[in-house]
Amino acid sequence: MSALAAPLEAFFTDRLVGQRAASPNTIAAYALTFRLLLEFTSARGRTPPSKLDIAQLDAPLVAAFLDHLEHERGNTATTRNARLAAIHSLFSYLALHHPEHAGTISRVLSIPPKRTEVNLVTYLNEDEATALLAACDQRRWTGRRDHTMFALTIQTGLRISEVVGLNRADVTLGRGANVHTFGKGRKERRTPLVPSTVEILQAFLAERATAPNEPLFATSTGKRLSRDAIEHRLAHYVGLAQATCPSLAAKRISMHTLRHTAAMRLLLAGNDVTVIALWLGHEQLATTNIYLHADMSHKQEAIDRVTPLPAKPGRYRPPDSLIAFLEAL
C-alpha cells in the first residue's frame, strides 16, 4: 500500500507548479476537485484524508464520486468532466511514480468523460447591451467603475480572469490604444480599443489616480475585485435593465456572455472567424466556430444563395385503413 498524501502534494508542487507553471485558477480548480474527492472518500471509509492510500481511490469509488457530483451536489455534466480531467491528470502522474498500482491507475484512467449537449451561445443584442450599460448608476463611483468594466468587456471580449487581473499599466490610451493581457494558457495578447471605449476609460482613469501596478478595477478600499464580486454586480444591473429591456429576463447572463457578445459583434460586422479567434485568444479555431452556429443572419444569407429545388408538392393519398390503425397506436 502506498500513502496518497505525499504524491498528491508532489503533484501540485512538482507537476503543476514546477513543470507546467499552471495558473492560479487551474491550481485552485484542481485543489477544489481533490478536496471534494478526499472528503467523499473519507466519509465512505471513515479514514482521515491524510491516511488514505492510493489503492482506495479505485475506479468504482471515482465513478461513485462523479455520480455524487451530479446527483447530490447538482453539478452539470461539464463540471463533472472538468473534475474527471483533474483526476486523470493526477493518475497520469501517479502512473510514473507508483507502477505497483498500475492496475488501479489504468482503470481510473479508462473512465470516459460524459457526453454533453452543445448549446447555442448566449449573447446580447445591441438593445440589450445598451440597456445593461444604461442601468449602471453613473452618479456613483462604483456605477462608473462598473459601466467602464462592462463596456470594456463587451468591446474587447476579455475573460473574467483577464478583467480581474488588469492593472493600470495594462491600458494604453492615445495612438494605438489597446489593452494588454495574459490570457488562458499564459498567452500574451494586445486587444485594440475603439474611440468610444478609449473615451470611457480616459474619464474613469482621470477620476482616480493610481500607480501603474495597481488594479484597474478595484473596490472602494483599493483591493482587486474578485470574480464573484464582478458576477454579483453584473447580475444586479441585469435585474435593473430588465425594466427597460424585458428580453434580458429570458437569458442567463454572466461575464462570459459579454465575451460572447464581443465575438458576435465582430462576426456580424463581417470579420472572418480566424480574425475573431485571434481577437479572443482562442488556440483552436473550432472553439470560435460556435459563433457561426449562433448567427441566424449568416445562415439566412447562405440559404438565400441556394437555387430552390424544382420539387412540387405531392398529392395526398389516404393510407390503407389497417396501416392507418397501426400508425395511430
Foldseek 3Di string as FASTA:
>chain_A
DAFDVVLVVCCVVCVQCNPQVHDPVVSVLLVVLVVLLLVQLCVVVVDHSRRDGPVSPAQVSLVVSLVCCCPPVVDDLVSSQVSLVSVLSSLVSCCVVPVVCVVRSVSSNPDDRDDDDDDFAAADDPLLLVLLLVLQDPVDLLSLLLSLLLVVCLQQLEDLVFLLQFFQLQFDADPQTWGWTQDPSRRTDTAGDDPVSSVSLVVSCVVDPDDRNFRPRADPVRHGDDQVNSQVVSVVSLVVSCVVPVVSVVDDDGSNNSSLNNLLVCVVVPDDLVVSCRSNVPPDSVVSCSSVVNDVVVVVVVVVPDDDDPDDDDDDDDDDPVVVVVVVD
